[in-house]
Amino acid sequence: MEKKKLLSLLATVARHKYLITIVIGVLFIGFIDENSFMQRIKYDIQINGLKEEINKYNAINDSANAQLEKLKRDPSYIEKIARERYFMKADDEDIFILSTEKVNDDTEK
């Protein structure tokens, strides 16, 4: 009885050998192989993220280049940058830095 079942199974496999081969091939190419469709989707997502990062850094670079051109052409812009970023002042000026931080009054009574 077991031999008949085994022979019947082998006959079924022999009849559908092309279908079984195609299914195994699609599974291998789709999910297991290092060049699978899943890997390709992951790489596409990674590429899109890197392109967005490139665009961001290009925008920063363009902004820095525009600022550099202003610095080369306009001496008053140099003074503005010095005052805003480095808190520099002229000899006859006083600078007051206002802070938004809250002061903690812990006086003992």
PDB file of N, CA and C in Angstrom:
ATOM      1  N   MET A   1       0.811  -1.181   0.000  1.00  0.00           N
ATOM      2  CA  MET A   1       0.000   0.000   0.000  1.00  0.00           C
ATOM      3  C   MET A   1       0.869   1.265   0.000  1.00  0.00           C
ATOM      4  N   GLU A   2       1.918   1.255   0.762  1.00  0.00           N
ATOM      5  CA  GLU A   2       2.827   2.394   0.834  1.00  0.00           C
ATOM      6  C   GLU A   2       3.518   2.627  -0.495  1.00  0.00           C
ATOM      7  N   LYS A   3       3.855   1.537  -1.180  1.00  0.00           N
ATOM      8  CA  LYS A   3       4.535   1.676  -2.466  1.00  0.00           C
ATOM      9  C   LYS A   3       3.623   2.338  -3.488  1.00  0.00           C
ATOM     10  N   LYS A   4       2.343   2.024  -3.461  1.00  0.00           N
ATOM     11  CA  LYS A   4       1.407   2.615  -4.406  1.00  0.00           C
ATOM     12  C   LYS A   4       1.278   4.116  -4.160  1.00  0.00           C
ATOM     13  N   LYS A   5       1.230   4.535  -2.874  1.00  0.00           N
ATOM     14  CA  LYS A   5       1.134   5.948  -2.552  1.00  0.00           C
ATOM     15  C   LYS A   5       2.391   6.692  -2.982  1.00  0.00           C
ATOM     16  N   LEU A   6       3.542   6.068  -2.750  1.00  0.00           N
ATOM     17  CA  LEU A   6       4.814   6.678  -3.130  1.00  0.00           C
ATOM     18  C   LEU A   6       4.917   6.800  -4.645  1.00  0.00           C
ATOM     19  N   LEU A   7       4.538   5.772  -5.361  1.00  0.00           N
ATOM     20  CA  LEU A   7       4.568   5.823  -6.817  1.00  0.00           C
ATOM     21  C   LEU A   7       3.562   6.862  -7.348  1.00  0.00           C
ATOM     22  N   SER A   8       2.422   6.948  -6.710  1.00  0.00           N
ATOM     23  CA  SER A   8       1.423   7.932  -7.119  1.00  0.00           C
ATOM     24  C   SER A   8       1.956   9.358  -6.903  1.00  0.00           C
ATOM     25  N   LEU A   9       2.627   9.565  -5.775  1.00  0.00           N
ATOM     26  CA  LEU A   9       3.217  10.881  -5.483  1.00  0.00           C
ATOM     27  C   LEU A   9       4.309  11.213  -6.488  1.00  0.00           C
ATOM     28  N   LEU A  10       5.169  10.254  -6.801  1.00  0.00           N
ATOM     29  CA  LEU A  10       6.230  10.474  -7.784  1.00  0.00           C
ATOM     30  C   LEU A  10       5.662  10.759  -9.172  1.00  0.00           C
ATOM     31  N   ALA A  11       4.591  10.100  -9.515  1.00  0.00           N
ATOM     32  CA  ALA A  11       3.956  10.334 -10.818  1.00  0.00           C
ATOM     33  C   ALA A  11       3.369  11.753 -10.862  1.00  0.00           C
ATOM     34  N   THR A  12       2.780  12.188  -9.756  1.00  0.00           N
ATOM     35  CA  THR A  12       2.218  13.540  -9.700  1.00  0.00           C
ATOM     36  C   THR A  12       3.329  14.575  -9.815  1.00  0.00           C
ATOM     37  N   VAL A  13       4.427  14.329  -9.121  1.00  0.00           N
ATOM     38  CA  VAL A  13       5.562  15.246  -9.187  1.00  0.00           C
ATOM     39  C   VAL A  13       6.137  15.258 -10.598  1.00  0.00           C
ATOM     40  N   ALA A  14       6.238  14.137 -11.235  1.00  0.00           N
ATOM     41  CA  ALA A  14       6.771  14.054 -12.594  1.00  0.00           C
ATOM     42  C   ALA A  14       5.875  14.799 -13.575  1.00  0.00           C
ATOM     43  N   ARG A  15       4.573  14.755 -13.367  1.00  0.00           N
ATOM     44  CA  ARG A  15       3.661  15.452 -14.253  1.00  0.00           C
ATOM     45  C   ARG A  15       3.756  16.972 -14.090  1.00  0.00           C
ATOM     46  N   HIS A  16       4.032  17.424 -12.886  1.00  0.00           N
ATOM     47  CA  HIS A  16       4.055  18.858 -12.600  1.00  0.00           C
ATOM     48  C   HIS A  16       5.471  19.368 -12.344  1.00  0.00           C
ATOM     49  N   LYS A  17       6.453  18.739 -12.940  1.00  0.00           N
ATOM     50  CA  LYS A  17       7.837  19.122 -12.651  1.00  0.00           C
ATOM     51  C   LYS A  17       8.157  20.546 -13.116  1.00  0.00           C
ATOM     52  N   TYR A  18       7.575  20.960 -14.211  1.00  0.00           N
ATOM     53  CA  TYR A  18       7.838  22.314 -14.697  1.00  0.00           C
ATOM     54  C   TYR A  18       7.203  23.362 -13.773  1.00  0.00           C
ATOM     55  N   LEU A  19       5.995  23.090 -13.327  1.00  0.00           N
ATOM     56  CA  LEU A  19       5.315  23.988 -12.410  1.00  0.00           C
ATOM     57  C   LEU A  19       6.087  24.094 -11.086  1.00  0.00           C
ATOM     58  N   ILE A  20       6.536  22.974 -10.569  1.00  0.00           N
ATOM     59  CA  ILE A  20       7.295  22.973  -9.324  1.00  0.00           C
ATOM     60  C   ILE A  20       8.607  23.730  -9.503  1.00  0.00           C
ATOM     61  N   THR A  21       9.262  23.547 -10.633  1.00  0.00           N
ATOM     62  CA  THR A  21      10.521  24.245 -10.902  1.00  0.00           C
ATOM     63  C   THR A  21      10.297  25.754 -10.987  1.00  0.00           C
ATOM     64  N   ILE A  22       9.230  26.157 -11.641  1.00  0.00           N
ATOM     65  CA  ILE A  22       8.929  27.581 -11.773  1.00  0.00           C
ATOM     66  C   ILE A  22       8.620  28.188 -10.410  1.00  0.00           C
ATOM     67  N   VAL A  23       7.836  27.503  -9.595  1.00  0.00           N
ATOM     68  CA  VAL A  23       7.487  28.022  -8.262  1.00  0.00           C
ATOM     69  C   VAL A  23       8.738  28.154  -7.405  1.00  0.00           C
ATOM     70  N   ILE A  24       9.594  27.153  -7.411  1.00  0.00           N
ATOM     71  CA  ILE A  24      10.832  27.217  -6.630  1.00  0.00           C
ATOM     72  C   ILE A  24      11.729  28.340  -7.156  1.00  0.00           C
ATOM     73  N   GLY A  25      11.817  28.510  -8.451  1.00  0.00           N
ATOM     74  CA  GLY A  25      12.627  29.577  -9.046  1.00  0.00           C
ATOM     75  C   GLY A  25      12.122  30.956  -8.664  1.00  0.00           C
ATOM     76  N   VAL A  26      10.808  31.152  -8.716  1.00  0.00           N
ATOM     77  CA  VAL A  26      10.225  32.445  -8.344  1.00  0.00           C
ATOM     78  C   VAL A  26      10.457  32.729  -6.866  1.00  0.00           C
ATOM     79  N   LEU A  27      10.299  31.739  -6.019  1.00  0.00           N
ATOM     80  CA  LEU A  27      10.567  31.929  -4.595  1.00  0.00           C
ATOM     81  C   LEU A  27      12.032  32.285  -4.357  1.00  0.00           C
ATOM     82  N   PHE A  28      12.916  31.609  -5.052  1.00  0.00           N
ATOM     83  CA  PHE A  28      14.344  31.873  -4.874  1.00  0.00           C
ATOM     84  C   PHE A  28      14.694  33.278  -5.346  1.00  0.00           C
ATOM     85  N   ILE A  29      14.237  33.640  -6.528  1.00  0.00           N
ATOM     86  CA  ILE A  29      14.555  34.961  -7.074  1.00  0.00           C
ATOM     87  C   ILE A  29      13.836  36.069  -6.301  1.00  0.00           C
ATOM     88  N   GLY A  30      12.639  35.801  -5.849  1.00  0.00           N
ATOM     89  CA  GLY A  30      11.861  36.830  -5.178  1.00  0.00           C
ATOM     90  C   GLY A  30      12.269  37.109  -3.753  1.00  0.00           C
ATOM     91  N   PHE A  31      12.739  36.117  -3.025  1.00  0.00           N
ATOM     92  CA  PHE A  31      12.945  36.315  -1.597  1.00  0.00           C
ATOM     93  C   PHE A  31      14.308  35.879  -1.072  1.00  0.00           C
ATOM     94  N   ILE A  32      14.919  34.859  -1.633  1.00  0.00           N
ATOM     95  CA  ILE A  32      16.116  34.275  -1.032  1.00  0.00           C
ATOM     96  C   ILE A  32      17.409  34.847  -1.593  1.00  0.00           C
ATOM     97  N   ASP A  33      17.474  35.050  -2.882  1.00  0.00           N
ATOM     98  CA  ASP A  33      18.695  35.482  -3.553  1.00  0.00           C
ATOM     99  C   ASP A  33      19.122  36.872  -3.075  1.00  0.00           C
ATOM    100  N   GLU A  34      20.422  37.170  -3.142  1.00  0.00           N
ATOM    101  CA  GLU A  34      20.900  38.493  -2.725  1.00  0.00           C
ATOM    102  C   GLU A  34      20.469  39.590  -3.689  1.00  0.00           C
ATOM    103  N   ASN A  35      20.065  39.249  -4.889  1.00  0.00           N
ATOM    104  CA  ASN A  35      19.536  40.209  -5.866  1.00  0.00           C
ATOM    105  C   ASN A  35      18.020  40.063  -6.000  1.00  0.00           C
ATOM    106  N   SER A  36      17.356  39.742  -4.916  1.00  0.00           N
ATOM    107  CA  SER A  36      15.920  39.481  -4.946  1.00  0.00           C
ATOM    108  C   SER A  36      15.122  40.774  -5.098  1.00  0.00           C
ATOM    109  N   PHE A  37      13.848  40.591  -5.333  1.00  0.00           N
ATOM    110  CA  PHE A  37      12.966  41.744  -5.451  1.00  0.00           C
ATOM    111  C   PHE A  37      12.887  42.504  -4.130  1.00  0.00           C
ATOM    112  N   MET A  38      12.923  41.794  -3.029  1.00  0.00           N
ATOM    113  CA  MET A  38      12.881  42.435  -1.709  1.00  0.00           C
ATOM    114  C   MET A  38      14.108  43.327  -1.516  1.00  0.00           C
ATOM    115  N   GLN A  39      15.268  42.835  -1.888  1.00  0.00           N
ATOM    116  CA  GLN A  39      16.490  43.631  -1.777  1.00  0.00           C
ATOM    117  C   GLN A  39      16.413  44.854  -2.685  1.00  0.00           C
ATOM    118  N   ARG A  40      15.867  44.664  -3.861  1.00  0.00           N
ATOM    119  CA  ARG A  40      15.750  45.789  -4.796  1.00  0.00           C
ATOM    120  C   ARG A  40      14.859  46.880  -4.221  1.00  0.00           C
ATOM    121  N   ILE A  41      13.767  46.492  -3.573  1.00  0.00           N
ATOM    122  CA  ILE A  41      12.876  47.475  -2.956  1.00  0.00           C
ATOM    123  C   ILE A  41      13.606  48.197  -1.828  1.00  0.00           C
ATOM    124  N   LYS A  42      14.362  47.461  -1.010  1.00  0.00           N
ATOM    125  CA  LYS A  42      15.132  48.087   0.071  1.00  0.00           C
ATOM    126  C   LYS A  42      16.152  49.068  -0.495  1.00  0.00           C
ATOM    127  N   TYR A  43      16.831  48.684  -1.559  1.00  0.00           N
ATOM    128  CA  TYR A  43      17.818  49.566  -2.179  1.00  0.00           C
ATOM    129  C   TYR A  43      17.164  50.809  -2.770  1.00  0.00           C
ATOM    130  N   ASP A  44      15.978  50.664  -3.373  1.00  0.00           N
ATOM    131  CA  ASP A  44      15.272  51.826  -3.916  1.00  0.00           C
ATOM    132  C   ASP A  44      14.896  52.812  -2.813  1.00  0.00           C
ATOM    133  N   ILE A  45      14.446  52.293  -1.679  1.00  0.00           N
ATOM    134  CA  ILE A  45      14.104  53.160  -0.546  1.00  0.00           C
ATOM    135  C   ILE A  45      15.349  53.878  -0.047  1.00  0.00           C
ATOM    136  N   GLN A  46      16.452  53.141   0.043  1.00  0.00           N
ATOM    137  CA  GLN A  46      17.709  53.743   0.500  1.00  0.00           C
ATOM    138  C   GLN A  46      18.198  54.807  -0.483  1.00  0.00           C
ATOM    139  N   ILE A  47      18.082  54.544  -1.768  1.00  0.00           N
ATOM    140  CA  ILE A  47      18.502  55.504  -2.795  1.00  0.00           C
ATOM    141  C   ILE A  47      17.663  56.776  -2.701  1.00  0.00           C
ATOM    142  N   ASN A  48      16.350  56.626  -2.513  1.00  0.00           N
ATOM    143  CA  ASN A  48      15.482  57.808  -2.390  1.00  0.00           C
ATOM    144  C   ASN A  48      15.859  58.638  -1.171  1.00  0.00           C
ATOM    145  N   GLY A  49      16.172  57.981  -0.063  1.00  0.00           N
ATOM    146  CA  GLY A  49      16.609  58.710   1.127  1.00  0.00           C
ATOM    147  C   GLY A  49      17.905  59.458   0.888  1.00  0.00           C
ATOM    148  N   LEU A  50      18.835  58.825   0.201  1.00  0.00           N
ATOM    149  CA  LEU A  50      20.112  59.476  -0.095  1.00  0.00           C
ATOM    150  C   LEU A  50      19.939  60.643  -1.064  1.00  0.00           C
ATOM    151  N   LYS A  51      19.010  60.524  -2.019  1.00  0.00           N
ATOM    152  CA  LYS A  51      18.746  61.633  -2.934  1.00  0.00           C
ATOM    153  C   LYS A  51      18.172  62.829  -2.189  1.00  0.00           C
ATOM    154  N   GLU A  52      17.283  62.562  -1.216  1.00  0.00           N
ATOM    155  CA  GLU A  52      16.739  63.654  -0.410  1.00  0.00           C
ATOM    156  C   GLU A  52      17.847  64.328   0.396  1.00  0.00           C
ATOM    157  N   GLU A  53      18.755  63.521   0.922  1.00  0.00           N
ATOM    158  CA  GLU A  53      19.877  64.073   1.683  1.00  0.00           C
ATOM    159  C   GLU A  53      20.789  64.913   0.786  1.00  0.00           C
ATOM    160  N   ILE A  54      21.017  64.452  -0.434  1.00  0.00           N
ATOM    161  CA  ILE A  54      21.828  65.218  -1.396  1.00  0.00           C
ATOM    162  C   ILE A  54      21.163  66.561  -1.685  1.00  0.00           C
ATOM    163  N   ASN A  55      19.839  66.547  -1.891  1.00  0.00           N
ATOM    164  CA  ASN A  55      19.119  67.793  -2.154  1.00  0.00           C
ATOM    165  C   ASN A  55      19.226  68.749  -0.976  1.00  0.00           C
ATOM    166  N   LYS A  56      19.140  68.205   0.242  1.00  0.00           N
ATOM    167  CA  LYS A  56      19.249  69.046   1.435  1.00  0.00           C
ATOM    168  C   LYS A  56      20.633  69.693   1.503  1.00  0.00           C
ATOM    169  N   TYR A  57      21.682  68.907   1.273  1.00  0.00           N
ATOM    170  CA  TYR A  57      23.029  69.456   1.343  1.00  0.00           C
ATOM    171  C   TYR A  57      23.323  70.406   0.180  1.00  0.00           C
ATOM    172  N   ASN A  58      22.725  70.173  -0.974  1.00  0.00           N
ATOM    173  CA  ASN A  58      22.872  71.119  -2.081  1.00  0.00           C
ATOM    174  C   ASN A  58      22.235  72.465  -1.732  1.00  0.00           C
ATOM    175  N   ALA A  59      21.080  72.429  -1.066  1.00  0.00           N
ATOM    176  CA  ALA A  59      20.421  73.674  -0.655  1.00  0.00           C
ATOM    177  C   ALA A  59      21.280  74.409   0.378  1.00  0.00           C
ATOM    178  N   ILE A  60      21.858  73.676   1.320  1.00  0.00           N
ATOM    179  CA  ILE A  60      22.743  74.301   2.310  1.00  0.00           C
ATOM    180  C   ILE A  60      23.961  74.899   1.625  1.00  0.00           C
ATOM    181  N   ASN A  61      24.508  74.181   0.656  1.00  0.00           N
ATOM    182  CA  ASN A  61      25.675  74.659  -0.085  1.00  0.00           C
ATOM    183  C   ASN A  61      25.344  75.924  -0.868  1.00  0.00           C
ATOM    184  N   ASP A  62      24.199  75.948  -1.525  1.00  0.00           N
ATOM    185  CA  ASP A  62      23.784  77.141  -2.276  1.00  0.00           C
ATOM    186  C   ASP A  62      23.624  78.341  -1.349  1.00  0.00           C
ATOM    187  N   SER A  63      23.036  78.108  -0.184  1.00  0.00           N
ATOM    188  CA  SER A  63      22.866  79.179   0.789  1.00  0.00           C
ATOM    189  C   SER A  63      24.218  79.708   1.265  1.00  0.00           C
ATOM    190  N   ALA A  64      25.145  78.802   1.541  1.00  0.00           N
ATOM    191  CA  ALA A  64      26.482  79.215   1.998  1.00  0.00           C
ATOM    192  C   ALA A  64      27.217  79.978   0.896  1.00  0.00           C
ATOM    193  N   ASN A  65      27.078  79.541  -0.342  1.00  0.00           N
ATOM    194  CA  ASN A  65      27.723  80.248  -1.458  1.00  0.00           C
ATOM    195  C   ASN A  65      27.138  81.647  -1.647  1.00  0.00           C
ATOM    196  N   ALA A  66      25.819  81.771  -1.484  1.00  0.00           N
ATOM    197  CA  ALA A  66      25.185  83.088  -1.593  1.00  0.00           C
ATOM    198  C   ALA A  66      25.673  84.007  -0.473  1.00  0.00           C
ATOM    199  N   GLN A  67      25.794  83.456   0.725  1.00  0.00           N
ATOM    200  CA  GLN A  67      26.289  84.246   1.843  1.00  0.00           C
ATOM    201  C   GLN A  67      27.746  84.651   1.621  1.00  0.00           C
ATOM    202  N   LEU A  68      28.541  83.758   1.061  1.00  0.00           N
ATOM    203  CA  LEU A  68      29.939  84.077   0.757  1.00  0.00           C
ATOM    204  C   LEU A  68      30.038  85.214  -0.262  1.00  0.00           C
ATOM    205  N   GLU A  69      29.194  85.180  -1.278  1.00  0.00           N
ATOM    206  CA  GLU A  69      29.187  86.255  -2.265  1.00  0.00           C
ATOM    207  C   GLU A  69      28.804  87.588  -1.627  1.00  0.00           C
ATOM    208  N   LYS A  70      27.822  87.560  -0.718  1.00  0.00           N
ATOM    209  CA  LYS A  70      27.447  88.791  -0.005  1.00  0.00           C
ATOM    210  C   LYS A  70      28.617  89.305   0.822  1.00  0.00           C
ATOM    211  N   LEU A  71      29.315  88.390   1.470  1.00  0.00           N
ATOM    212  CA  LEU A  71      30.461  88.794   2.286  1.00  0.00           C
ATOM    213  C   LEU A  71      31.561  89.418   1.437  1.00  0.00           C
ATOM    214  N   LYS A  72      31.745  88.901   0.222  1.00  0.00           N
ATOM    215  CA  LYS A  72      32.784  89.440  -0.665  1.00  0.00           C
ATOM    216  C   LYS A  72      32.413  90.826  -1.188  1.00  0.00           C
ATOM    217  N   ARG A  73      31.112  91.065  -1.427  1.00  0.00           N
ATOM    218  CA  ARG A  73      30.684  92.314  -2.067  1.00  0.00           C
ATOM    219  C   ARG A  73      30.303  93.420  -1.101  1.00  0.00           C
ATOM    220  N   ASP A  74      29.782  93.079   0.058  1.00  0.00           N
ATOM    221  CA  ASP A  74      29.166  94.092   0.916  1.00  0.00           C
ATOM    222  C   ASP A  74      29.855  94.156   2.280  1.00  0.00           C
ATOM    223  N   PRO A  75      30.652  95.183   2.538  1.00  0.00           N
ATOM    224  CA  PRO A  75      31.320  95.291   3.845  1.00  0.00           C
ATOM    225  C   PRO A  75      30.346  95.463   5.011  1.00  0.00           C
ATOM    226  N   SER A  76      29.193  96.049   4.764  1.00  0.00           N
ATOM    227  CA  SER A  76      28.226  96.206   5.855  1.00  0.00           C
ATOM    228  C   SER A  76      27.643  94.853   6.271  1.00  0.00           C
ATOM    229  N   TYR A  77      27.617  93.896   5.352  1.00  0.00           N
ATOM    230  CA  TYR A  77      27.147  92.549   5.681  1.00  0.00           C
ATOM    231  C   TYR A  77      28.129  91.869   6.633  1.00  0.00           C
ATOM    232  N   ILE A  78      29.416  92.112   6.445  1.00  0.00           N
ATOM    233  CA  ILE A  78      30.430  91.567   7.357  1.00  0.00           C
ATOM    234  C   ILE A  78      30.176  92.110   8.760  1.00  0.00           C
ATOM    235  N   GLU A  79      29.888  93.395   8.848  1.00  0.00           N
ATOM    236  CA  GLU A  79      29.601  94.004  10.147  1.00  0.00           C
ATOM    237  C   GLU A  79      28.345  93.397  10.769  1.00  0.00           C
ATOM    238  N   LYS A  80      27.335  93.165   9.955  1.00  0.00           N
ATOM    239  CA  LYS A  80      26.090  92.572  10.444  1.00  0.00           C
ATOM    240  C   LYS A  80      26.348  91.173  11.010  1.00  0.00           C
ATOM    241  N   ILE A  81      27.112  90.353  10.292  1.00  0.00           N
ATOM    242  CA  ILE A  81      27.427  89.000  10.753  1.00  0.00           C
ATOM    243  C   ILE A  81      28.238  89.061  12.046  1.00  0.00           C
ATOM    244  N   ALA A  82      29.197  89.964  12.109  1.00  0.00           N
ATOM    245  CA  ALA A  82      30.024  90.092  13.309  1.00  0.00           C
ATOM    246  C   ALA A  82      29.170  90.473  14.511  1.00  0.00           C
ATOM    247  N   ARG A  83      28.217  91.351  14.323  1.00  0.00           N
ATOM    248  CA  ARG A  83      27.359  91.775  15.433  1.00  0.00           C
ATOM    249  C   ARG A  83      26.410  90.662  15.861  1.00  0.00           C
ATOM    250  N   GLU A  84      25.796  89.972  14.912  1.00  0.00           N
ATOM    251  CA  GLU A  84      24.783  88.975  15.238  1.00  0.00           C
ATOM    252  C   GLU A  84      25.379  87.689  15.803  1.00  0.00           C
ATOM    253  N   ARG A  85      26.395  87.192  15.171  1.00  0.00           N
ATOM    254  CA  ARG A  85      26.924  85.882  15.563  1.00  0.00           C
ATOM    255  C   ARG A  85      27.990  85.939  16.648  1.00  0.00           C
ATOM    256  N   TYR A  86      28.833  86.945  16.589  1.00  0.00           N
ATOM    257  CA  TYR A  86      29.993  86.971  17.477  1.00  0.00           C
ATOM    258  C   TYR A  86      29.907  88.079  18.523  1.00  0.00           C
ATOM    259  N   PHE A  87      28.779  88.755  18.586  1.00  0.00           N
ATOM    260  CA  PHE A  87      28.518  89.796  19.577  1.00  0.00           C
ATOM    261  C   PHE A  87      29.629  90.853  19.617  1.00  0.00           C
ATOM    262  N   MET A  88      30.144  91.196  18.460  1.00  0.00           N
ATOM    263  CA  MET A  88      31.148  92.254  18.376  1.00  0.00           C
ATOM    264  C   MET A  88      30.441  93.609  18.382  1.00  0.00           C
ATOM    265  N   LYS A  89      31.166  94.632  18.783  1.00  0.00           N
ATOM    266  CA  LYS A  89      30.552  95.948  18.889  1.00  0.00           C
ATOM    267  C   LYS A  89      31.567  97.010  18.494  1.00  0.00           C
ATOM    268  N   ALA A  90      31.022  98.163  18.224  1.00  0.00           N
ATOM    269  CA  ALA A  90      31.886  99.315  17.975  1.00  0.00           C
ATOM    270  C   ALA A  90      32.379  99.842  19.326  1.00  0.00           C
ATOM    271  N   ASP A  91      33.385 100.728  19.289  1.00  0.00           N
ATOM    272  CA  ASP A  91      33.971 101.231  20.529  1.00  0.00           C
ATOM    273  C   ASP A  91      32.989 102.029  21.369  1.00  0.00           C
ATOM    274  N   ASP A  92      32.061 102.705  20.740  1.00  0.00           N
ATOM    275  CA  ASP A  92      31.147 103.571  21.474  1.00  0.00           C
ATOM    276  C   ASP A  92      29.797 102.907  21.761  1.00  0.00           C
ATOM    277  N   GLU A  93      29.721 101.589  21.711  1.00  0.00           N
ATOM    278  CA  GLU A  93      28.461 100.879  21.911  1.00  0.00           C
ATOM    279  C   GLU A  93      28.549  99.958  23.129  1.00  0.00           C
ATOM    280  N   ASP A  94      27.394  99.691  23.707  1.00  0.00           N
ATOM    281  CA  ASP A  94      27.258  98.673  24.741  1.00  0.00           C
ATOM    282  C   ASP A  94      26.275  97.625  24.233  1.00  0.00           C
ATOM    283  N   ILE A  95      26.555  96.368  24.541  1.00  0.00           N
ATOM    284  CA  ILE A  95      25.683  95.283  24.089  1.00  0.00           C
ATOM    285  C   ILE A  95      25.035  94.656  25.309  1.00  0.00           C
ATOM    286  N   PHE A  96      23.731  94.477  25.216  1.00  0.00           N
ATOM    287  CA  PHE A  96      22.987  93.797  26.260  1.00  0.00           C
ATOM    288  C   PHE A  96      22.396  92.539  25.647  1.00  0.00           C
ATOM    289  N   ILE A  97      22.699  91.394  26.225  1.00  0.00           N
ATOM    290  CA  ILE A  97      22.174  90.125  25.732  1.00  0.00           C
ATOM    291  C   ILE A  97      20.998  89.742  26.602  1.00  0.00           C
ATOM    292  N   LEU A  98      19.839  89.645  25.981  1.00  0.00           N
ATOM    293  CA  LEU A  98      18.630  89.286  26.702  1.00  0.00           C
ATOM    294  C   LEU A  98      18.400  87.790  26.560  1.00  0.00           C
ATOM    295  N   SER A  99      18.146  87.149  27.664  1.00  0.00           N
ATOM    296  CA  SER A  99      17.950  85.705  27.660  1.00  0.00           C
ATOM    297  C   SER A  99      16.493  85.391  27.945  1.00  0.00           C
ATOM    298  N   THR A 100      16.022  84.324  27.362  1.00  0.00           N
ATOM    299  CA  THR A 100      14.655  83.885  27.614  1.00  0.00           C
ATOM    300  C   THR A 100      14.615  82.809  28.689  1.00  0.00           C
ATOM    301  N   GLU A 101      15.759  82.463  29.254  1.00  0.00           N
ATOM    302  CA  GLU A 101      15.804  81.438  30.297  1.00  0.00           C
ATOM    303  C   GLU A 101      15.229  81.999  31.588  1.00  0.00           C
ATOM    304  N   LYS A 102      14.524  81.162  32.309  1.00  0.00           N
ATOM    305  CA  LYS A 102      13.898  81.569  33.556  1.00  0.00           C
ATOM    306  C   LYS A 102      14.928  81.469  34.680  1.00  0.00           C
ATOM    307  N   VAL A 103      14.980  82.481  35.519  1.00  0.00           N
ATOM    308  CA  VAL A 103      15.891  82.493  36.648  1.00  0.00           C
ATOM    309  C   VAL A 103      15.200  81.856  37.832  1.00  0.00           C
ATOM    310  N   ASN A 104      15.894  80.940  38.505  1.00  0.00           N
ATOM    311  CA  ASN A 104      15.329  80.231  39.641  1.00  0.00           C
ATOM    312  C   ASN A 104      15.680  80.982  40.924  1.00  0.00           C
ATOM    313  N   ASP A 105      14.682  81.559  41.593  1.00  0.00           N
ATOM    314  CA  ASP A 105      14.896  82.296  42.844  1.00  0.00           C
ATOM    315  C   ASP A 105      14.653  81.363  44.027  1.00  0.00           C
ATOM    316  N   ASP A 106      15.710  80.807  44.548  1.00  0.00           N
ATOM    317  CA  ASP A 106      15.614  79.929  45.721  1.00  0.00           C
ATOM    318  C   ASP A 106      16.258  80.624  46.916  1.00  0.00           C
ATOM    319  N   THR A 107      15.614  81.631  47.424  1.00  0.00           N
ATOM    320  CA  THR A 107      16.135  82.321  48.601  1.00  0.00           C
ATOM    321  C   THR A 107      15.533  81.692  49.845  1.00  0.00           C
ATOM    322  N   GLU A 108      16.375  81.489  50.816  1.00  0.00           N
ATOM    323  CA  GLU A 108      15.902  80.883  52.060  1.00  0.00           C
ATOM    324  C   GLU A 108      15.272  81.939  52.948  1.00  0.00           C
ATOM    325  N   LYS A 109      14.207  81.578  53.606  1.00  0.00           N
ATOM    326  CA  LYS A 109      13.487  82.520  54.478  1.00  0.00           C
ATOM    327  C   LYS A 109      13.732  82.228  55.920  1.00  0.00           C
TER     328      LYS A 109
END
